[in-house]
Every structure is written in structure tokens, then in C-alpha cells.
mmCIF file of all heavy atoms, coordinates in Angstrom:
data_MODEL
# 
_entry.id   MODEL 
# 
loop_
_atom_site.group_PDB 
_atom_site.id 
_atom_site.type_symbol 
_atom_site.label_atom_id 
_atom_site.label_alt_id 
_atom_site.label_comp_id 
_atom_site.label_asym_id 
_atom_site.label_entity_id 
_atom_site.label_seq_id 
_atom_site.pdbx_PDB_ins_code 
_atom_site.Cartn_x 
_atom_site.Cartn_y 
_atom_site.Cartn_z 
_atom_site.occupancy 
_atom_site.B_iso_or_equiv 
_atom_site.pdbx_formal_charge 
_atom_site.auth_seq_id 
_atom_site.auth_comp_id 
_atom_site.auth_asym_id 
_atom_site.auth_atom_id 
_atom_site.pdbx_PDB_model_num 
ATOM 1   N N   . ARG A 1 1  ? 0.873   -1.098  -0.047  1.00 0.00 ? 1  ARG A N   1 
ATOM 2   C CA  . ARG A 1 1  ? 0.022   0.021   -0.018  1.00 0.00 ? 1  ARG A CA  1 
ATOM 3   C C   . ARG A 1 1  ? 0.929   1.161   0.004   1.00 0.00 ? 1  ARG A C   1 
ATOM 4   O O   . ARG A 1 1  ? 1.642   1.395   0.962   1.00 0.00 ? 1  ARG A O   1 
ATOM 5   C CB  . ARG A 1 1  ? -0.934  -0.020  1.252   1.00 0.00 ? 1  ARG A CB  1 
ATOM 6   C CG  . ARG A 1 1  ? -1.765  1.290   1.300   1.00 0.00 ? 1  ARG A CG  1 
ATOM 7   C CD  . ARG A 1 1  ? -2.509  1.492   2.532   1.00 0.00 ? 1  ARG A CD  1 
ATOM 8   N NE  . ARG A 1 1  ? -3.587  0.608   2.573   1.00 0.00 ? 1  ARG A NE  1 
ATOM 9   C CZ  . ARG A 1 1  ? -3.943  -0.252  3.634   1.00 0.00 ? 1  ARG A CZ  1 
ATOM 10  N NH1 . ARG A 1 1  ? -3.136  -0.294  4.723   1.00 0.00 ? 1  ARG A NH1 1 
ATOM 11  N NH2 . ARG A 1 1  ? -5.012  -1.057  3.565   1.00 0.00 ? 1  ARG A NH2 1 
ATOM 12  N N   . ARG A 1 2  ? 0.958   2.001   -1.089  1.00 0.00 ? 2  ARG A N   1 
ATOM 13  C CA  . ARG A 1 2  ? 1.814   3.137   -1.324  1.00 0.00 ? 2  ARG A CA  1 
ATOM 14  C C   . ARG A 1 2  ? 3.261   2.800   -0.896  1.00 0.00 ? 2  ARG A C   1 
ATOM 15  O O   . ARG A 1 2  ? 3.850   3.515   -0.263  1.00 0.00 ? 2  ARG A O   1 
ATOM 16  C CB  . ARG A 1 2  ? 1.315   4.302   -0.370  1.00 0.00 ? 2  ARG A CB  1 
ATOM 17  C CG  . ARG A 1 2  ? 0.049   4.891   -0.857  1.00 0.00 ? 2  ARG A CG  1 
ATOM 18  C CD  . ARG A 1 2  ? -0.294  6.101   -0.123  1.00 0.00 ? 2  ARG A CD  1 
ATOM 19  N NE  . ARG A 1 2  ? -1.862  6.140   0.155   1.00 0.00 ? 2  ARG A NE  1 
ATOM 20  C CZ  . ARG A 1 2  ? -2.354  5.960   1.178   1.00 0.00 ? 2  ARG A CZ  1 
ATOM 21  N NH1 . ARG A 1 2  ? -1.811  5.596   2.350   1.00 0.00 ? 2  ARG A NH1 1 
ATOM 22  N NH2 . ARG A 1 2  ? -3.737  5.968   1.249   1.00 0.00 ? 2  ARG A NH2 1 
ATOM 23  N N   . GLY A 1 3  ? 3.675   1.552   -1.387  1.00 0.00 ? 3  GLY A N   1 
ATOM 24  C CA  . GLY A 1 3  ? 5.049   1.193   -1.209  1.00 0.00 ? 3  GLY A CA  1 
ATOM 25  C C   . GLY A 1 3  ? 5.321   0.472   0.131   1.00 0.00 ? 3  GLY A C   1 
ATOM 26  O O   . GLY A 1 3  ? 6.398   -0.146  0.310   1.00 0.00 ? 3  GLY A O   1 
ATOM 27  N N   . GLU A 1 4  ? 4.372   0.499   1.095   1.00 0.00 ? 4  GLU A N   1 
ATOM 28  C CA  . GLU A 1 4  ? 4.574   -0.195  2.398   1.00 0.00 ? 4  GLU A CA  1 
ATOM 29  C C   . GLU A 1 4  ? 3.945   -1.603  2.379   1.00 0.00 ? 4  GLU A C   1 
ATOM 30  O O   . GLU A 1 4  ? 2.878   -1.684  1.884   1.00 0.00 ? 4  GLU A O   1 
ATOM 31  C CB  . GLU A 1 4  ? 4.019   0.708   3.462   1.00 0.00 ? 4  GLU A CB  1 
ATOM 32  C CG  . GLU A 1 4  ? 4.681   2.043   3.616   1.00 0.00 ? 4  GLU A CG  1 
ATOM 33  C CD  . GLU A 1 4  ? 6.089   1.933   4.059   1.00 0.00 ? 4  GLU A CD  1 
ATOM 34  O OE1 . GLU A 1 4  ? 6.390   1.036   4.975   1.00 0.00 ? 4  GLU A OE1 1 
ATOM 35  O OE2 . GLU A 1 4  ? 6.890   2.691   3.630   1.00 0.00 ? 4  GLU A OE2 1 
ATOM 36  N N   . ALA A 1 5  ? 4.630   -2.560  2.826   1.00 0.00 ? 5  ALA A N   1 
ATOM 37  C CA  . ALA A 1 5  ? 4.031   -3.866  2.852   1.00 0.00 ? 5  ALA A CA  1 
ATOM 38  C C   . ALA A 1 5  ? 2.784   -4.008  3.816   1.00 0.00 ? 5  ALA A C   1 
ATOM 39  O O   . ALA A 1 5  ? 2.736   -3.417  4.855   1.00 0.00 ? 5  ALA A O   1 
ATOM 40  C CB  . ALA A 1 5  ? 5.165   -4.967  3.261   1.00 0.00 ? 5  ALA A CB  1 
ATOM 41  N N   . VAL A 1 6  ? 1.871   -4.750  3.355   1.00 0.00 ? 6  VAL A N   1 
ATOM 42  C CA  . VAL A 1 6  ? 0.626   -4.949  4.080   1.00 0.00 ? 6  VAL A CA  1 
ATOM 43  C C   . VAL A 1 6  ? 0.799   -6.506  4.434   1.00 0.00 ? 6  VAL A C   1 
ATOM 44  O O   . VAL A 1 6  ? 0.965   -7.360  3.648   1.00 0.00 ? 6  VAL A O   1 
ATOM 45  C CB  . VAL A 1 6  ? -0.587  -4.843  3.250   1.00 0.00 ? 6  VAL A CB  1 
ATOM 46  C CG1 . VAL A 1 6  ? -1.872  -5.234  4.034   1.00 0.00 ? 6  VAL A CG1 1 
ATOM 47  C CG2 . VAL A 1 6  ? -0.813  -3.347  2.833   1.00 0.00 ? 6  VAL A CG2 1 
ATOM 48  N N   . ALA A 1 7  ? 0.667   -6.806  5.829   1.00 0.00 ? 7  ALA A N   1 
ATOM 49  C CA  . ALA A 1 7  ? 0.736   -8.212  6.226   1.00 0.00 ? 7  ALA A CA  1 
ATOM 50  C C   . ALA A 1 7  ? -0.498  -9.138  5.762   1.00 0.00 ? 7  ALA A C   1 
ATOM 51  O O   . ALA A 1 7  ? -1.576  -8.665  6.106   1.00 0.00 ? 7  ALA A O   1 
ATOM 52  C CB  . ALA A 1 7  ? 0.927   -8.261  7.703   1.00 0.00 ? 7  ALA A CB  1 
ATOM 53  N N   . LEU A 1 8  ? -0.186  -10.080 5.020   1.00 0.00 ? 8  LEU A N   1 
ATOM 54  C CA  . LEU A 1 8  ? -1.249  -10.974 4.632   1.00 0.00 ? 8  LEU A CA  1 
ATOM 55  C C   . LEU A 1 8  ? -0.765  -12.460 4.898   1.00 0.00 ? 8  LEU A C   1 
ATOM 56  O O   . LEU A 1 8  ? 0.396   -12.721 4.618   1.00 0.00 ? 8  LEU A O   1 
ATOM 57  C CB  . LEU A 1 8  ? -1.504  -10.874 3.048   1.00 0.00 ? 8  LEU A CB  1 
ATOM 58  C CG  . LEU A 1 8  ? -2.200  -9.592  2.588   1.00 0.00 ? 8  LEU A CG  1 
ATOM 59  C CD1 . LEU A 1 8  ? -2.386  -9.741  1.064   1.00 0.00 ? 8  LEU A CD1 1 
ATOM 60  C CD2 . LEU A 1 8  ? -3.532  -9.393  3.223   1.00 0.00 ? 8  LEU A CD2 1 
ATOM 61  N N   . THR A 1 9  ? -1.710  -13.359 5.364   1.00 0.00 ? 9  THR A N   1 
ATOM 62  C CA  . THR A 1 9  ? -1.333  -14.760 5.542   1.00 0.00 ? 9  THR A CA  1 
ATOM 63  C C   . THR A 1 9  ? -1.350  -15.309 4.134   1.00 0.00 ? 9  THR A C   1 
ATOM 64  O O   . THR A 1 9  ? -1.912  -14.700 3.073   1.00 0.00 ? 9  THR A O   1 
ATOM 65  C CB  . THR A 1 9  ? -2.333  -15.436 6.354   1.00 0.00 ? 9  THR A CB  1 
ATOM 66  O OG1 . THR A 1 9  ? -3.563  -15.395 5.658   1.00 0.00 ? 9  THR A OG1 1 
ATOM 67  C CG2 . THR A 1 9  ? -2.468  -14.840 7.736   1.00 0.00 ? 9  THR A CG2 1 
ATOM 68  N N   . PRO A 1 10 ? -0.758  -16.398 3.817   1.00 0.00 ? 10 PRO A N   1 
ATOM 69  C CA  . PRO A 1 10 ? -0.683  -17.067 2.592   1.00 0.00 ? 10 PRO A CA  1 
ATOM 70  C C   . PRO A 1 10 ? -2.207  -17.288 2.011   1.00 0.00 ? 10 PRO A C   1 
ATOM 71  O O   . PRO A 1 10 ? -2.367  -16.997 0.830   1.00 0.00 ? 10 PRO A O   1 
ATOM 72  C CB  . PRO A 1 10 ? -0.042  -18.362 2.743   1.00 0.00 ? 10 PRO A CB  1 
ATOM 73  C CG  . PRO A 1 10 ? 0.884   -18.138 3.956   1.00 0.00 ? 10 PRO A CG  1 
ATOM 74  C CD  . PRO A 1 10 ? 0.144   -17.305 4.786   1.00 0.00 ? 10 PRO A CD  1 
ATOM 75  N N   . LYS A 1 11 ? -3.229  -17.671 2.926   1.00 0.00 ? 11 LYS A N   1 
ATOM 76  C CA  . LYS A 1 11 ? -4.549  -17.922 2.392   1.00 0.00 ? 11 LYS A CA  1 
ATOM 77  C C   . LYS A 1 11 ? -5.189  -16.537 2.001   1.00 0.00 ? 11 LYS A C   1 
ATOM 78  O O   . LYS A 1 11 ? -5.868  -16.405 0.975   1.00 0.00 ? 11 LYS A O   1 
ATOM 79  C CB  . LYS A 1 11 ? -5.329  -18.470 3.570   1.00 0.00 ? 11 LYS A CB  1 
ATOM 80  C CG  . LYS A 1 11 ? -6.713  -18.963 3.115   1.00 0.00 ? 11 LYS A CG  1 
ATOM 81  C CD  . LYS A 1 11 ? -6.685  -20.081 2.115   1.00 0.00 ? 11 LYS A CD  1 
ATOM 82  C CE  . LYS A 1 11 ? -6.141  -21.289 2.690   1.00 0.00 ? 11 LYS A CE  1 
ATOM 83  N NZ  . LYS A 1 11 ? -5.798  -22.359 1.668   1.00 0.00 ? 11 LYS A NZ  1 
ATOM 84  N N   . LEU A 1 12 ? -4.955  -15.405 2.757   1.00 0.00 ? 12 LEU A N   1 
ATOM 85  C CA  . LEU A 1 12 ? -5.456  -14.149 2.388   1.00 0.00 ? 12 LEU A CA  1 
ATOM 86  C C   . LEU A 1 12 ? -4.857  -13.618 1.074   1.00 0.00 ? 12 LEU A C   1 
ATOM 87  O O   . LEU A 1 12 ? -5.482  -13.092 0.155   1.00 0.00 ? 12 LEU A O   1 
ATOM 88  C CB  . LEU A 1 12 ? -5.230  -13.122 3.440   1.00 0.00 ? 12 LEU A CB  1 
ATOM 89  C CG  . LEU A 1 12 ? -5.941  -13.355 4.751   1.00 0.00 ? 12 LEU A CG  1 
ATOM 90  C CD1 . LEU A 1 12 ? -5.564  -12.075 5.771   1.00 0.00 ? 12 LEU A CD1 1 
ATOM 91  C CD2 . LEU A 1 12 ? -7.441  -13.371 4.607   1.00 0.00 ? 12 LEU A CD2 1 
ATOM 92  N N   . PHE A 1 13 ? -3.441  -13.867 0.798   1.00 0.00 ? 13 PHE A N   1 
ATOM 93  C CA  . PHE A 1 13 ? -2.894  -13.508 -0.466  1.00 0.00 ? 13 PHE A CA  1 
ATOM 94  C C   . PHE A 1 13 ? -3.532  -14.312 -1.542  1.00 0.00 ? 13 PHE A C   1 
ATOM 95  O O   . PHE A 1 13 ? -3.894  -13.699 -2.665  1.00 0.00 ? 13 PHE A O   1 
ATOM 96  C CB  . PHE A 1 13 ? -1.439  -13.789 -0.344  1.00 0.00 ? 13 PHE A CB  1 
ATOM 97  C CG  . PHE A 1 13 ? -0.715  -13.481 -1.658  1.00 0.00 ? 13 PHE A CG  1 
ATOM 98  C CD1 . PHE A 1 13 ? -0.220  -12.156 -1.794  1.00 0.00 ? 13 PHE A CD1 1 
ATOM 99  C CD2 . PHE A 1 13 ? -0.500  -14.256 -2.681  1.00 0.00 ? 13 PHE A CD2 1 
ATOM 100 C CE1 . PHE A 1 13 ? 0.398   -11.785 -3.029  1.00 0.00 ? 13 PHE A CE1 1 
ATOM 101 C CE2 . PHE A 1 13 ? -0.024  -13.968 -3.878  1.00 0.00 ? 13 PHE A CE2 1 
ATOM 102 C CZ  . PHE A 1 13 ? 0.445   -12.665 -4.054  1.00 0.00 ? 13 PHE A CZ  1 
ATOM 103 N N   . ASP A 1 14 ? -3.820  -15.545 -1.418  1.00 0.00 ? 14 ASP A N   1 
ATOM 104 C CA  . ASP A 1 14 ? -4.326  -16.448 -2.533  1.00 0.00 ? 14 ASP A CA  1 
ATOM 105 C C   . ASP A 1 14 ? -5.747  -15.988 -2.741  1.00 0.00 ? 14 ASP A C   1 
ATOM 106 O O   . ASP A 1 14 ? -6.155  -15.946 -4.004  1.00 0.00 ? 14 ASP A O   1 
ATOM 107 C CB  . ASP A 1 14 ? -4.399  -17.915 -2.111  1.00 0.00 ? 14 ASP A CB  1 
ATOM 108 C CG  . ASP A 1 14 ? -2.851  -18.435 -2.062  1.00 0.00 ? 14 ASP A CG  1 
ATOM 109 O OD1 . ASP A 1 14 ? -2.005  -17.911 -2.652  1.00 0.00 ? 14 ASP A OD1 1 
ATOM 110 O OD2 . ASP A 1 14 ? -2.861  -19.584 -1.416  1.00 0.00 ? 14 ASP A OD2 1 
ATOM 111 N N   . THR A 1 15 ? -6.504  -15.651 -1.691  1.00 0.00 ? 15 THR A N   1 
ATOM 112 C CA  . THR A 1 15 ? -7.812  -15.123 -1.963  1.00 0.00 ? 15 THR A CA  1 
ATOM 113 C C   . THR A 1 15 ? -7.906  -13.850 -2.808  1.00 0.00 ? 15 THR A C   1 
ATOM 114 O O   . THR A 1 15 ? -8.576  -13.696 -3.704  1.00 0.00 ? 15 THR A O   1 
ATOM 115 C CB  . THR A 1 15 ? -8.554  -14.980 -0.541  1.00 0.00 ? 15 THR A CB  1 
ATOM 116 O OG1 . THR A 1 15 ? -8.483  -16.149 0.228   1.00 0.00 ? 15 THR A OG1 1 
ATOM 117 C CG2 . THR A 1 15 ? -10.038 -14.530 -0.766  1.00 0.00 ? 15 THR A CG2 1 
ATOM 118 N N   . LEU A 1 16 ? -7.080  -12.903 -2.344  1.00 0.00 ? 16 LEU A N   1 
ATOM 119 C CA  . LEU A 1 16 ? -6.904  -11.698 -3.078  1.00 0.00 ? 16 LEU A CA  1 
ATOM 120 C C   . LEU A 1 16 ? -6.505  -11.883 -4.521  1.00 0.00 ? 16 LEU A C   1 
ATOM 121 O O   . LEU A 1 16 ? -7.092  -11.253 -5.374  1.00 0.00 ? 16 LEU A O   1 
ATOM 122 C CB  . LEU A 1 16 ? -5.904  -10.705 -2.339  1.00 0.00 ? 16 LEU A CB  1 
ATOM 123 C CG  . LEU A 1 16 ? -5.759  -9.286  -2.982  1.00 0.00 ? 16 LEU A CG  1 
ATOM 124 C CD1 . LEU A 1 16 ? -7.066  -8.523  -3.108  1.00 0.00 ? 16 LEU A CD1 1 
ATOM 125 C CD2 . LEU A 1 16 ? -4.729  -8.590  -2.174  1.00 0.00 ? 16 LEU A CD2 1 
ATOM 126 N N   . LEU A 1 17 ? -5.591  -12.702 -4.642  1.00 0.00 ? 17 LEU A N   1 
ATOM 127 C CA  . LEU A 1 17 ? -5.024  -12.988 -6.046  1.00 0.00 ? 17 LEU A CA  1 
ATOM 128 C C   . LEU A 1 17 ? -6.154  -13.507 -6.862  1.00 0.00 ? 17 LEU A C   1 
ATOM 129 O O   . LEU A 1 17 ? -6.291  -13.023 -8.076  1.00 0.00 ? 17 LEU A O   1 
ATOM 130 C CB  . LEU A 1 17 ? -3.888  -13.843 -6.050  1.00 0.00 ? 17 LEU A CB  1 
ATOM 131 C CG  . LEU A 1 17 ? -3.213  -14.254 -7.343  1.00 0.00 ? 17 LEU A CG  1 
ATOM 132 C CD1 . LEU A 1 17 ? -2.782  -13.034 -8.107  1.00 0.00 ? 17 LEU A CD1 1 
ATOM 133 C CD2 . LEU A 1 17 ? -2.090  -15.228 -7.079  1.00 0.00 ? 17 LEU A CD2 1 
ATOM 134 N N   . HIS A 1 18 ? -6.917  -14.402 -6.413  1.00 0.00 ? 18 HIS A N   1 
ATOM 135 C CA  . HIS A 1 18 ? -8.096  -15.005 -7.126  1.00 0.00 ? 18 HIS A CA  1 
ATOM 136 C C   . HIS A 1 18 ? -9.068  -13.954 -7.525  1.00 0.00 ? 18 HIS A C   1 
ATOM 137 O O   . HIS A 1 18 ? -9.542  -13.872 -8.613  1.00 0.00 ? 18 HIS A O   1 
ATOM 138 C CB  . HIS A 1 18 ? -8.687  -16.235 -6.386  1.00 0.00 ? 18 HIS A CB  1 
ATOM 139 C CG  . HIS A 1 18 ? -9.515  -16.910 -7.079  1.00 0.00 ? 18 HIS A CG  1 
ATOM 140 N ND1 . HIS A 1 18 ? -9.271  -18.103 -8.031  1.00 0.00 ? 18 HIS A ND1 1 
ATOM 141 C CD2 . HIS A 1 18 ? -10.869 -16.887 -7.342  1.00 0.00 ? 18 HIS A CD2 1 
ATOM 142 C CE1 . HIS A 1 18 ? -10.260 -18.551 -8.748  1.00 0.00 ? 18 HIS A CE1 1 
ATOM 143 N NE2 . HIS A 1 18 ? -11.360 -17.795 -8.268  1.00 0.00 ? 18 HIS A NE2 1 
ATOM 144 N N   . LEU A 1 19 ? -9.438  -13.182 -6.571  1.00 0.00 ? 19 LEU A N   1 
ATOM 145 C CA  . LEU A 1 19 ? -10.387 -12.140 -6.743  1.00 0.00 ? 19 LEU A CA  1 
ATOM 146 C C   . LEU A 1 19 ? -9.946  -11.073 -7.773  1.00 0.00 ? 19 LEU A C   1 
ATOM 147 O O   . LEU A 1 19 ? -10.709 -10.610 -8.616  1.00 0.00 ? 19 LEU A O   1 
ATOM 148 C CB  . LEU A 1 19 ? -10.765 -11.346 -5.547  1.00 0.00 ? 19 LEU A CB  1 
ATOM 149 C CG  . LEU A 1 19 ? -11.676 -12.213 -4.622  1.00 0.00 ? 19 LEU A CG  1 
ATOM 150 C CD1 . LEU A 1 19 ? -11.713 -11.528 -3.222  1.00 0.00 ? 19 LEU A CD1 1 
ATOM 151 C CD2 . LEU A 1 19 ? -13.010 -12.542 -5.047  1.00 0.00 ? 19 LEU A CD2 1 
ATOM 152 N N   . VAL A 1 20 ? -8.663  -10.628 -7.687  1.00 0.00 ? 20 VAL A N   1 
ATOM 153 C CA  . VAL A 1 20 ? -8.098  -9.678  -8.600  1.00 0.00 ? 20 VAL A CA  1 
ATOM 154 C C   . VAL A 1 20 ? -7.994  -10.307 -9.987  1.00 0.00 ? 20 VAL A C   1 
ATOM 155 O O   . VAL A 1 20 ? -8.348  -9.569  -10.958 1.00 0.00 ? 20 VAL A O   1 
ATOM 156 C CB  . VAL A 1 20 ? -6.741  -9.171  -7.986  1.00 0.00 ? 20 VAL A CB  1 
ATOM 157 C CG1 . VAL A 1 20 ? -5.953  -8.427  -9.067  1.00 0.00 ? 20 VAL A CG1 1 
ATOM 158 C CG2 . VAL A 1 20 ? -6.859  -8.260  -6.851  1.00 0.00 ? 20 VAL A CG2 1 
ATOM 159 N N   . GLN A 1 21 ? -7.504  -11.548 -10.153 1.00 0.00 ? 21 GLN A N   1 
ATOM 160 C CA  . GLN A 1 21 ? -7.377  -12.118 -11.510 1.00 0.00 ? 21 GLN A CA  1 
ATOM 161 C C   . GLN A 1 21 ? -8.698  -12.308 -12.122 1.00 0.00 ? 21 GLN A C   1 
ATOM 162 O O   . GLN A 1 21 ? -8.815  -12.357 -13.272 1.00 0.00 ? 21 GLN A O   1 
ATOM 163 C CB  . GLN A 1 21 ? -6.698  -13.411 -11.292 1.00 0.00 ? 21 GLN A CB  1 
ATOM 164 C CG  . GLN A 1 21 ? -5.135  -13.249 -11.067 1.00 0.00 ? 21 GLN A CG  1 
ATOM 165 C CD  . GLN A 1 21 ? -4.369  -14.513 -10.959 1.00 0.00 ? 21 GLN A CD  1 
ATOM 166 O OE1 . GLN A 1 21 ? -5.010  -15.476 -10.478 1.00 0.00 ? 21 GLN A OE1 1 
ATOM 167 N NE2 . GLN A 1 21 ? -3.217  -14.633 -11.245 1.00 0.00 ? 21 GLN A NE2 1 
ATOM 168 N N   . ASN A 1 22 ? -9.836  -12.318 -11.345 1.00 0.00 ? 22 ASN A N   1 
ATOM 169 C CA  . ASN A 1 22 ? -11.163 -12.484 -11.910 1.00 0.00 ? 22 ASN A CA  1 
ATOM 170 C C   . ASN A 1 22 ? -11.992 -11.317 -11.680 1.00 0.00 ? 22 ASN A C   1 
ATOM 171 O O   . ASN A 1 22 ? -13.227 -11.398 -11.384 1.00 0.00 ? 22 ASN A O   1 
ATOM 172 C CB  . ASN A 1 22 ? -11.690 -13.764 -11.304 1.00 0.00 ? 22 ASN A CB  1 
ATOM 173 C CG  . ASN A 1 22 ? -10.927 -15.038 -11.696 1.00 0.00 ? 22 ASN A CG  1 
ATOM 174 O OD1 . ASN A 1 22 ? -11.185 -15.544 -12.724 1.00 0.00 ? 22 ASN A OD1 1 
ATOM 175 N ND2 . ASN A 1 22 ? -10.113 -15.552 -10.803 1.00 0.00 ? 22 ASN A ND2 1 
ATOM 176 N N   . HIS A 1 23 ? -11.385 -10.099 -11.545 1.00 0.00 ? 23 HIS A N   1 
ATOM 177 C CA  . HIS A 1 23 ? -12.192 -8.864  -11.130 1.00 0.00 ? 23 HIS A CA  1 
ATOM 178 C C   . HIS A 1 23 ? -13.319 -8.564  -12.126 1.00 0.00 ? 23 HIS A C   1 
ATOM 179 O O   . HIS A 1 23 ? -14.237 -7.713  -11.755 1.00 0.00 ? 23 HIS A O   1 
ATOM 180 C CB  . HIS A 1 23 ? -11.158 -7.679  -11.113 1.00 0.00 ? 23 HIS A CB  1 
ATOM 181 C CG  . HIS A 1 23 ? -10.594 -7.274  -12.387 1.00 0.00 ? 23 HIS A CG  1 
ATOM 182 N ND1 . HIS A 1 23 ? -9.494  -7.994  -12.954 1.00 0.00 ? 23 HIS A ND1 1 
ATOM 183 C CD2 . HIS A 1 23 ? -11.017 -6.370  -13.313 1.00 0.00 ? 23 HIS A CD2 1 
ATOM 184 C CE1 . HIS A 1 23 ? -9.333  -7.392  -14.233 1.00 0.00 ? 23 HIS A CE1 1 
ATOM 185 N NE2 . HIS A 1 23 ? -10.167 -6.338  -14.435 1.00 0.00 ? 23 HIS A NE2 1 
ATOM 186 N N   . ASP A 1 24 ? -13.316 -9.066  -13.303 1.00 0.00 ? 24 ASP A N   1 
ATOM 187 C CA  . ASP A 1 24 ? -14.383 -8.776  -14.217 1.00 0.00 ? 24 ASP A CA  1 
ATOM 188 C C   . ASP A 1 24 ? -15.683 -9.542  -14.216 1.00 0.00 ? 24 ASP A C   1 
ATOM 189 O O   . ASP A 1 24 ? -16.530 -9.463  -14.943 1.00 0.00 ? 24 ASP A O   1 
ATOM 190 C CB  . ASP A 1 24 ? -13.715 -8.832  -15.653 1.00 0.00 ? 24 ASP A CB  1 
ATOM 191 C CG  . ASP A 1 24 ? -13.202 -10.303 -15.957 1.00 0.00 ? 24 ASP A CG  1 
ATOM 192 O OD1 . ASP A 1 24 ? -12.978 -10.981 -14.949 1.00 0.00 ? 24 ASP A OD1 1 
ATOM 193 O OD2 . ASP A 1 24 ? -13.165 -10.691 -17.064 1.00 0.00 ? 24 ASP A OD2 1 
ATOM 194 N N   . ARG A 1 25 ? -15.733 -10.438 -13.025 1.00 0.00 ? 25 ARG A N   1 
ATOM 195 C CA  . ARG A 1 25 ? -16.907 -11.227 -12.863 1.00 0.00 ? 25 ARG A CA  1 
ATOM 196 C C   . ARG A 1 25 ? -17.107 -11.619 -11.469 1.00 0.00 ? 25 ARG A C   1 
ATOM 197 O O   . ARG A 1 25 ? -16.204 -11.372 -10.608 1.00 0.00 ? 25 ARG A O   1 
ATOM 198 C CB  . ARG A 1 25 ? -16.781 -12.568 -13.617 1.00 0.00 ? 25 ARG A CB  1 
ATOM 199 C CG  . ARG A 1 25 ? -15.632 -13.429 -13.275 1.00 0.00 ? 25 ARG A CG  1 
ATOM 200 C CD  . ARG A 1 25 ? -15.521 -14.724 -14.022 1.00 0.00 ? 25 ARG A CD  1 
ATOM 201 N NE  . ARG A 1 25 ? -14.448 -15.547 -13.577 1.00 0.00 ? 25 ARG A NE  1 
ATOM 202 C CZ  . ARG A 1 25 ? -14.717 -16.465 -12.710 1.00 0.00 ? 25 ARG A CZ  1 
ATOM 203 N NH1 . ARG A 1 25 ? -15.855 -16.543 -11.923 1.00 0.00 ? 25 ARG A NH1 1 
ATOM 204 N NH2 . ARG A 1 25 ? -13.736 -17.205 -12.187 1.00 0.00 ? 25 ARG A NH2 1 
ATOM 205 N N   . VAL A 1 26 ? -18.163 -12.195 -11.151 1.00 0.00 ? 26 VAL A N   1 
ATOM 206 C CA  . VAL A 1 26 ? -18.501 -12.771 -9.755  1.00 0.00 ? 26 VAL A CA  1 
ATOM 207 C C   . VAL A 1 26 ? -17.855 -14.050 -9.650  1.00 0.00 ? 26 VAL A C   1 
ATOM 208 O O   . VAL A 1 26 ? -17.986 -14.916 -10.390 1.00 0.00 ? 26 VAL A O   1 
ATOM 209 C CB  . VAL A 1 26 ? -19.994 -12.806 -9.666  1.00 0.00 ? 26 VAL A CB  1 
ATOM 210 C CG1 . VAL A 1 26 ? -20.350 -13.518 -8.227  1.00 0.00 ? 26 VAL A CG1 1 
ATOM 211 C CG2 . VAL A 1 26 ? -20.770 -11.454 -9.731  1.00 0.00 ? 26 VAL A CG2 1 
ATOM 212 N N   . CYS A 1 27 ? -17.136 -14.123 -8.506  1.00 0.00 ? 27 CYS A N   1 
ATOM 213 C CA  . CYS A 1 27 ? -16.498 -15.372 -8.177  1.00 0.00 ? 27 CYS A CA  1 
ATOM 214 C C   . CYS A 1 27 ? -17.463 -16.169 -7.238  1.00 0.00 ? 27 CYS A C   1 
ATOM 215 O O   . CYS A 1 27 ? -17.768 -15.670 -6.049  1.00 0.00 ? 27 CYS A O   1 
ATOM 216 C CB  . CYS A 1 27 ? -15.150 -15.176 -7.466  1.00 0.00 ? 27 CYS A CB  1 
ATOM 217 S SG  . CYS A 1 27 ? -13.926 -14.474 -8.508  1.00 0.00 ? 27 CYS A SG  1 
ATOM 218 N N   . GLU A 1 28 ? -17.914 -17.258 -7.668  1.00 0.00 ? 28 GLU A N   1 
ATOM 219 C CA  . GLU A 1 28 ? -18.897 -18.082 -6.961  1.00 0.00 ? 28 GLU A CA  1 
ATOM 220 C C   . GLU A 1 28 ? -18.301 -18.648 -5.723  1.00 0.00 ? 28 GLU A C   1 
ATOM 221 O O   . GLU A 1 28 ? -17.117 -18.916 -5.686  1.00 0.00 ? 28 GLU A O   1 
ATOM 222 C CB  . GLU A 1 28 ? -19.443 -19.165 -7.868  1.00 0.00 ? 28 GLU A CB  1 
ATOM 223 C CG  . GLU A 1 28 ? -20.159 -18.765 -9.211  1.00 0.00 ? 28 GLU A CG  1 
ATOM 224 C CD  . GLU A 1 28 ? -21.502 -18.093 -8.872  1.00 0.00 ? 28 GLU A CD  1 
ATOM 225 O OE1 . GLU A 1 28 ? -22.177 -18.302 -7.934  1.00 0.00 ? 28 GLU A OE1 1 
ATOM 226 O OE2 . GLU A 1 28 ? -21.803 -17.410 -9.789  1.00 0.00 ? 28 GLU A OE2 1 
ATOM 227 N N   . LYS A 1 29 ? -19.148 -18.739 -4.637  1.00 0.00 ? 29 LYS A N   1 
ATOM 228 C CA  . LYS A 1 29 ? -18.544 -19.374 -3.387  1.00 0.00 ? 29 LYS A CA  1 
ATOM 229 C C   . LYS A 1 29 ? -17.839 -20.614 -3.558  1.00 0.00 ? 29 LYS A C   1 
ATOM 230 O O   . LYS A 1 29 ? -16.751 -20.925 -2.986  1.00 0.00 ? 29 LYS A O   1 
ATOM 231 C CB  . LYS A 1 29 ? -19.592 -19.279 -2.321  1.00 0.00 ? 29 LYS A CB  1 
ATOM 232 C CG  . LYS A 1 29 ? -20.093 -18.054 -1.781  1.00 0.00 ? 29 LYS A CG  1 
ATOM 233 C CD  . LYS A 1 29 ? -21.289 -18.227 -0.890  1.00 0.00 ? 29 LYS A CD  1 
ATOM 234 C CE  . LYS A 1 29 ? -21.767 -16.846 -0.424  1.00 0.00 ? 29 LYS A CE  1 
ATOM 235 N NZ  . LYS A 1 29 ? -22.909 -16.906 0.535   1.00 0.00 ? 29 LYS A NZ  1 
ATOM 236 N N   . GLU A 1 30 ? -18.499 -21.465 -4.249  1.00 0.00 ? 30 GLU A N   1 
ATOM 237 C CA  . GLU A 1 30 ? -17.886 -22.893 -4.405  1.00 0.00 ? 30 GLU A CA  1 
ATOM 238 C C   . GLU A 1 30 ? -16.609 -22.849 -5.135  1.00 0.00 ? 30 GLU A C   1 
ATOM 239 O O   . GLU A 1 30 ? -15.806 -23.464 -4.906  1.00 0.00 ? 30 GLU A O   1 
ATOM 240 C CB  . GLU A 1 30 ? -19.036 -23.693 -5.193  1.00 0.00 ? 30 GLU A CB  1 
ATOM 241 C CG  . GLU A 1 30 ? -19.099 -25.130 -5.045  1.00 0.00 ? 30 GLU A CG  1 
ATOM 242 C CD  . GLU A 1 30 ? -19.035 -25.631 -3.518  1.00 0.00 ? 30 GLU A CD  1 
ATOM 243 O OE1 . GLU A 1 30 ? -19.729 -25.183 -2.690  1.00 0.00 ? 30 GLU A OE1 1 
ATOM 244 O OE2 . GLU A 1 30 ? -17.983 -26.448 -3.379  1.00 0.00 ? 30 GLU A OE2 1 
# 
């Protein structure tokens, strides 16, 4: 965030990455 690291667990990182890579659509819960 503005060049400063934001602490994320590996699971949070993976969740964010999945959402960001699919930002153009709804990611179903399943």
C-alpha cells in the first residue's frame, strides 16, 4: 500500500489474487 508492505497470510494472499485475477466477474462461493 503506497510502497509499504501489508501483512497477509498465505490464504489471504491467495484469496486476493483469485479475486483480482477474476475482477471482471462474480467469483462463486463454491
